[in-house]
N, C-alpha and C. Protein backbone atom coordinates (compact mmCIF):
# COMPACT_ATOMS: atom_id res chain seq x y z
N MET A 1 40.59 -10.34 10.11
CA MET A 1 39.81 -11.42 9.55
C MET A 1 40.66 -12.68 9.49
N LEU A 2 40.01 -13.81 9.71
CA LEU A 2 40.67 -15.10 9.60
C LEU A 2 40.40 -15.71 8.22
N PHE A 3 41.40 -16.40 7.71
CA PHE A 3 41.27 -17.09 6.44
C PHE A 3 41.87 -18.48 6.57
N PHE A 4 41.21 -19.46 5.95
CA PHE A 4 41.76 -20.79 5.82
C PHE A 4 42.32 -20.88 4.41
N VAL A 5 43.61 -21.12 4.31
CA VAL A 5 44.28 -21.15 3.02
C VAL A 5 44.70 -22.58 2.71
N ILE A 6 44.35 -23.03 1.52
CA ILE A 6 44.79 -24.35 1.06
C ILE A 6 45.74 -24.12 -0.09
N GLU A 7 46.99 -24.53 0.12
CA GLU A 7 47.98 -24.49 -0.95
C GLU A 7 48.00 -25.87 -1.59
N ASP A 8 47.66 -25.94 -2.84
CA ASP A 8 47.58 -27.23 -3.55
C ASP A 8 48.83 -27.41 -4.39
N TYR A 9 49.59 -28.46 -4.10
CA TYR A 9 50.84 -28.74 -4.80
C TYR A 9 50.69 -29.81 -5.87
N ARG A 10 49.49 -30.40 -5.99
CA ARG A 10 49.30 -31.45 -7.00
C ARG A 10 49.50 -30.86 -8.38
N GLY A 11 50.27 -31.52 -9.20
CA GLY A 11 50.55 -31.03 -10.54
C GLY A 11 51.62 -29.95 -10.56
N CYS A 12 52.24 -29.69 -9.41
CA CYS A 12 53.28 -28.67 -9.32
C CYS A 12 54.63 -29.34 -9.06
N ASP A 13 55.69 -28.59 -9.24
CA ASP A 13 57.04 -29.08 -8.99
C ASP A 13 57.32 -28.92 -7.50
N ARG A 14 57.08 -29.97 -6.73
CA ARG A 14 57.23 -29.90 -5.27
C ARG A 14 58.67 -29.62 -4.86
N LYS A 15 59.62 -30.16 -5.59
CA LYS A 15 61.02 -29.88 -5.24
C LYS A 15 61.31 -28.39 -5.35
N GLU A 16 60.78 -27.75 -6.37
CA GLU A 16 61.00 -26.31 -6.54
C GLU A 16 60.30 -25.52 -5.43
N ILE A 17 59.12 -25.97 -5.01
CA ILE A 17 58.40 -25.31 -3.92
C ILE A 17 59.23 -25.35 -2.65
N TYR A 18 59.72 -26.52 -2.28
CA TYR A 18 60.49 -26.65 -1.04
C TYR A 18 61.86 -25.99 -1.16
N ARG A 19 62.43 -25.94 -2.36
CA ARG A 19 63.69 -25.24 -2.58
C ARG A 19 63.50 -23.74 -2.32
N ARG A 20 62.44 -23.17 -2.90
CA ARG A 20 62.17 -21.74 -2.68
C ARG A 20 61.91 -21.46 -1.21
N PHE A 21 61.13 -22.34 -0.56
CA PHE A 21 60.84 -22.14 0.86
C PHE A 21 62.13 -22.18 1.67
N ARG A 22 63.01 -23.13 1.39
CA ARG A 22 64.28 -23.25 2.11
C ARG A 22 65.14 -22.01 1.90
N GLU A 23 65.19 -21.51 0.67
CA GLU A 23 66.05 -20.38 0.35
C GLU A 23 65.47 -19.03 0.75
N SER A 24 64.15 -18.89 0.69
CA SER A 24 63.54 -17.56 0.87
C SER A 24 62.52 -17.48 1.99
N GLY A 25 62.19 -18.60 2.60
CA GLY A 25 61.17 -18.59 3.64
C GLY A 25 59.77 -18.54 3.05
N ARG A 26 58.82 -18.16 3.87
CA ARG A 26 57.41 -18.16 3.47
C ARG A 26 57.06 -17.02 2.52
N LEU A 27 57.92 -15.99 2.44
CA LEU A 27 57.72 -14.83 1.56
C LEU A 27 56.44 -14.07 1.86
N LYS A 28 56.01 -14.08 3.09
CA LYS A 28 54.76 -13.40 3.43
C LYS A 28 55.04 -12.00 3.96
N PRO A 29 54.12 -11.08 3.71
CA PRO A 29 54.24 -9.75 4.33
C PRO A 29 54.17 -9.86 5.85
N ASP A 30 54.87 -8.98 6.55
CA ASP A 30 54.87 -9.02 8.01
C ASP A 30 53.47 -8.87 8.60
N GLU A 31 52.59 -8.19 7.88
CA GLU A 31 51.24 -7.95 8.39
C GLU A 31 50.34 -9.18 8.33
N LEU A 32 50.79 -10.22 7.66
CA LEU A 32 50.02 -11.46 7.58
C LEU A 32 50.46 -12.38 8.70
N ILE A 33 49.55 -12.70 9.59
CA ILE A 33 49.85 -13.56 10.75
C ILE A 33 49.45 -14.99 10.40
N VAL A 34 50.40 -15.91 10.53
CA VAL A 34 50.12 -17.34 10.33
C VAL A 34 49.94 -17.95 11.72
N HIS A 35 48.72 -18.40 12.02
CA HIS A 35 48.44 -18.99 13.34
C HIS A 35 48.87 -20.45 13.40
N HIS A 36 48.54 -21.20 12.38
CA HIS A 36 48.89 -22.63 12.33
C HIS A 36 49.04 -23.05 10.88
N SER A 37 49.83 -24.09 10.67
CA SER A 37 49.89 -24.70 9.34
C SER A 37 50.07 -26.19 9.49
N TRP A 38 49.50 -26.91 8.53
CA TRP A 38 49.57 -28.37 8.51
C TRP A 38 49.89 -28.80 7.09
N ILE A 39 50.59 -29.90 6.96
CA ILE A 39 50.88 -30.45 5.64
C ILE A 39 50.19 -31.81 5.53
N ALA A 40 49.59 -32.09 4.39
CA ALA A 40 48.94 -33.39 4.18
C ALA A 40 50.00 -34.49 4.23
N GLY A 41 49.59 -35.67 4.65
CA GLY A 41 50.51 -36.80 4.79
C GLY A 41 51.24 -37.14 3.50
N ASP A 42 50.59 -36.92 2.37
CA ASP A 42 51.23 -37.22 1.08
C ASP A 42 51.95 -35.99 0.50
N MET A 43 52.03 -34.92 1.29
CA MET A 43 52.70 -33.67 0.92
C MET A 43 52.11 -33.01 -0.32
N SER A 44 50.83 -33.29 -0.60
CA SER A 44 50.19 -32.72 -1.78
C SER A 44 49.56 -31.35 -1.52
N ARG A 45 49.32 -31.03 -0.25
CA ARG A 45 48.67 -29.77 0.10
C ARG A 45 49.17 -29.29 1.45
N CYS A 46 49.08 -27.98 1.64
CA CYS A 46 49.37 -27.37 2.93
C CYS A 46 48.12 -26.59 3.33
N PHE A 47 47.78 -26.65 4.60
CA PHE A 47 46.60 -25.96 5.13
C PHE A 47 47.08 -24.95 6.16
N LEU A 48 46.63 -23.72 6.04
CA LEU A 48 47.08 -22.67 6.95
C LEU A 48 45.89 -21.88 7.48
N LEU A 49 45.98 -21.48 8.74
CA LEU A 49 45.04 -20.53 9.32
C LEU A 49 45.81 -19.23 9.47
N VAL A 50 45.37 -18.21 8.73
CA VAL A 50 46.07 -16.93 8.72
C VAL A 50 45.11 -15.81 9.10
N GLU A 51 45.70 -14.67 9.45
CA GLU A 51 44.88 -13.52 9.85
C GLU A 51 45.46 -12.24 9.26
N THR A 52 44.59 -11.40 8.76
CA THR A 52 44.95 -10.07 8.29
C THR A 52 43.68 -9.21 8.24
N ASP A 53 43.85 -7.93 8.44
CA ASP A 53 42.72 -7.01 8.32
C ASP A 53 42.57 -6.48 6.90
N ASP A 54 43.54 -6.78 6.05
CA ASP A 54 43.55 -6.27 4.68
C ASP A 54 43.75 -7.44 3.72
N VAL A 55 42.73 -7.80 3.00
CA VAL A 55 42.79 -8.96 2.11
C VAL A 55 43.84 -8.78 1.02
N THR A 56 44.18 -7.55 0.67
CA THR A 56 45.20 -7.36 -0.35
C THR A 56 46.57 -7.84 0.12
N ILE A 57 46.80 -7.86 1.42
CA ILE A 57 48.05 -8.41 1.96
C ILE A 57 48.11 -9.90 1.68
N LEU A 58 47.01 -10.58 1.86
CA LEU A 58 46.92 -12.01 1.55
C LEU A 58 47.13 -12.25 0.06
N GLN A 59 46.57 -11.41 -0.76
CA GLN A 59 46.73 -11.54 -2.20
C GLN A 59 48.17 -11.30 -2.63
N ARG A 60 48.84 -10.32 -2.01
CA ARG A 60 50.26 -10.07 -2.32
C ARG A 60 51.11 -11.29 -2.01
N TRP A 61 50.80 -11.96 -0.90
CA TRP A 61 51.55 -13.16 -0.52
C TRP A 61 51.32 -14.28 -1.53
N ALA A 62 50.08 -14.48 -1.93
CA ALA A 62 49.77 -15.55 -2.89
C ALA A 62 50.48 -15.31 -4.22
N ILE A 63 50.62 -14.06 -4.62
CA ILE A 63 51.30 -13.75 -5.88
C ILE A 63 52.76 -14.22 -5.86
N GLU A 64 53.38 -14.19 -4.68
CA GLU A 64 54.77 -14.65 -4.57
C GLU A 64 54.93 -16.13 -4.93
N TRP A 65 53.83 -16.89 -4.82
CA TRP A 65 53.89 -18.34 -5.01
C TRP A 65 53.04 -18.84 -6.17
N ASN A 66 52.25 -18.00 -6.80
CA ASN A 66 51.27 -18.51 -7.76
C ASN A 66 51.88 -19.13 -9.01
N ASP A 67 53.20 -18.98 -9.20
CA ASP A 67 53.84 -19.67 -10.32
C ASP A 67 54.09 -21.14 -10.00
N LEU A 68 54.02 -21.51 -8.70
CA LEU A 68 54.30 -22.88 -8.28
C LEU A 68 53.14 -23.56 -7.56
N VAL A 69 52.23 -22.77 -6.98
CA VAL A 69 51.20 -23.29 -6.09
C VAL A 69 49.83 -22.75 -6.49
N GLU A 70 48.81 -23.60 -6.38
CA GLU A 70 47.43 -23.13 -6.56
C GLU A 70 46.83 -22.88 -5.18
N PHE A 71 46.16 -21.75 -5.02
CA PHE A 71 45.61 -21.35 -3.74
C PHE A 71 44.10 -21.41 -3.73
N GLU A 72 43.55 -21.82 -2.60
CA GLU A 72 42.14 -21.63 -2.29
C GLU A 72 42.12 -20.87 -0.98
N ILE A 73 41.43 -19.74 -0.96
CA ILE A 73 41.39 -18.87 0.21
C ILE A 73 39.95 -18.72 0.64
N VAL A 74 39.67 -19.12 1.90
CA VAL A 74 38.31 -19.14 2.42
C VAL A 74 38.24 -18.27 3.68
N PRO A 75 37.44 -17.19 3.66
CA PRO A 75 37.24 -16.43 4.89
C PRO A 75 36.50 -17.30 5.91
N VAL A 76 36.95 -17.28 7.17
CA VAL A 76 36.33 -18.10 8.21
C VAL A 76 36.15 -17.27 9.48
N ALA A 77 35.32 -17.78 10.37
CA ALA A 77 35.11 -17.17 11.69
C ALA A 77 35.12 -18.28 12.72
N THR A 78 35.51 -17.95 13.94
CA THR A 78 35.46 -18.94 15.01
C THR A 78 34.00 -19.23 15.36
N ASN A 79 33.76 -20.39 15.94
CA ASN A 79 32.39 -20.71 16.38
C ASN A 79 31.89 -19.67 17.38
N LYS A 80 32.74 -19.26 18.30
CA LYS A 80 32.36 -18.27 19.30
C LYS A 80 31.93 -16.95 18.64
N ASP A 81 32.69 -16.49 17.68
CA ASP A 81 32.34 -15.25 16.99
C ASP A 81 31.05 -15.39 16.20
N MET A 82 30.83 -16.54 15.60
CA MET A 82 29.60 -16.76 14.82
C MET A 82 28.38 -16.80 15.73
N VAL A 83 28.50 -17.46 16.87
CA VAL A 83 27.39 -17.50 17.83
C VAL A 83 27.05 -16.09 18.30
N THR A 84 28.06 -15.29 18.60
CA THR A 84 27.84 -13.90 19.02
C THR A 84 27.17 -13.10 17.92
N ALA A 85 27.63 -13.27 16.68
CA ALA A 85 27.07 -12.51 15.56
C ALA A 85 25.62 -12.88 15.31
N LEU A 86 25.26 -14.13 15.52
CA LEU A 86 23.90 -14.60 15.24
C LEU A 86 22.95 -14.51 16.43
N ALA A 87 23.47 -14.16 17.60
CA ALA A 87 22.67 -14.20 18.83
C ALA A 87 21.37 -13.43 18.72
N GLY A 88 21.38 -12.28 18.12
CA GLY A 88 20.16 -11.48 17.99
C GLY A 88 19.20 -11.94 16.92
N HIS A 89 19.60 -12.93 16.14
CA HIS A 89 18.78 -13.39 15.02
C HIS A 89 18.18 -14.77 15.25
N LEU A 90 18.46 -15.39 16.37
CA LEU A 90 17.97 -16.75 16.63
C LEU A 90 16.80 -16.73 17.59
């Protein structure tokens, strides 16, 4: 499954976030695939497209950061997959 993850740094200690990232990396389980990531121009948020077949893996990763970052996690599908899924219903 694909997920769009928004890491919100507003109201958080950004220096501590980047310090932890520099020292420990992304802290994600190996089973969580990060396809792409983008950072907002004002460095207030990070946007990631990730993939995992087990949502608990995504939750374990978020727990590593939830003391510093607020997460929004949205399940998503590609346009191609959605068209295929809806083909018999249109």
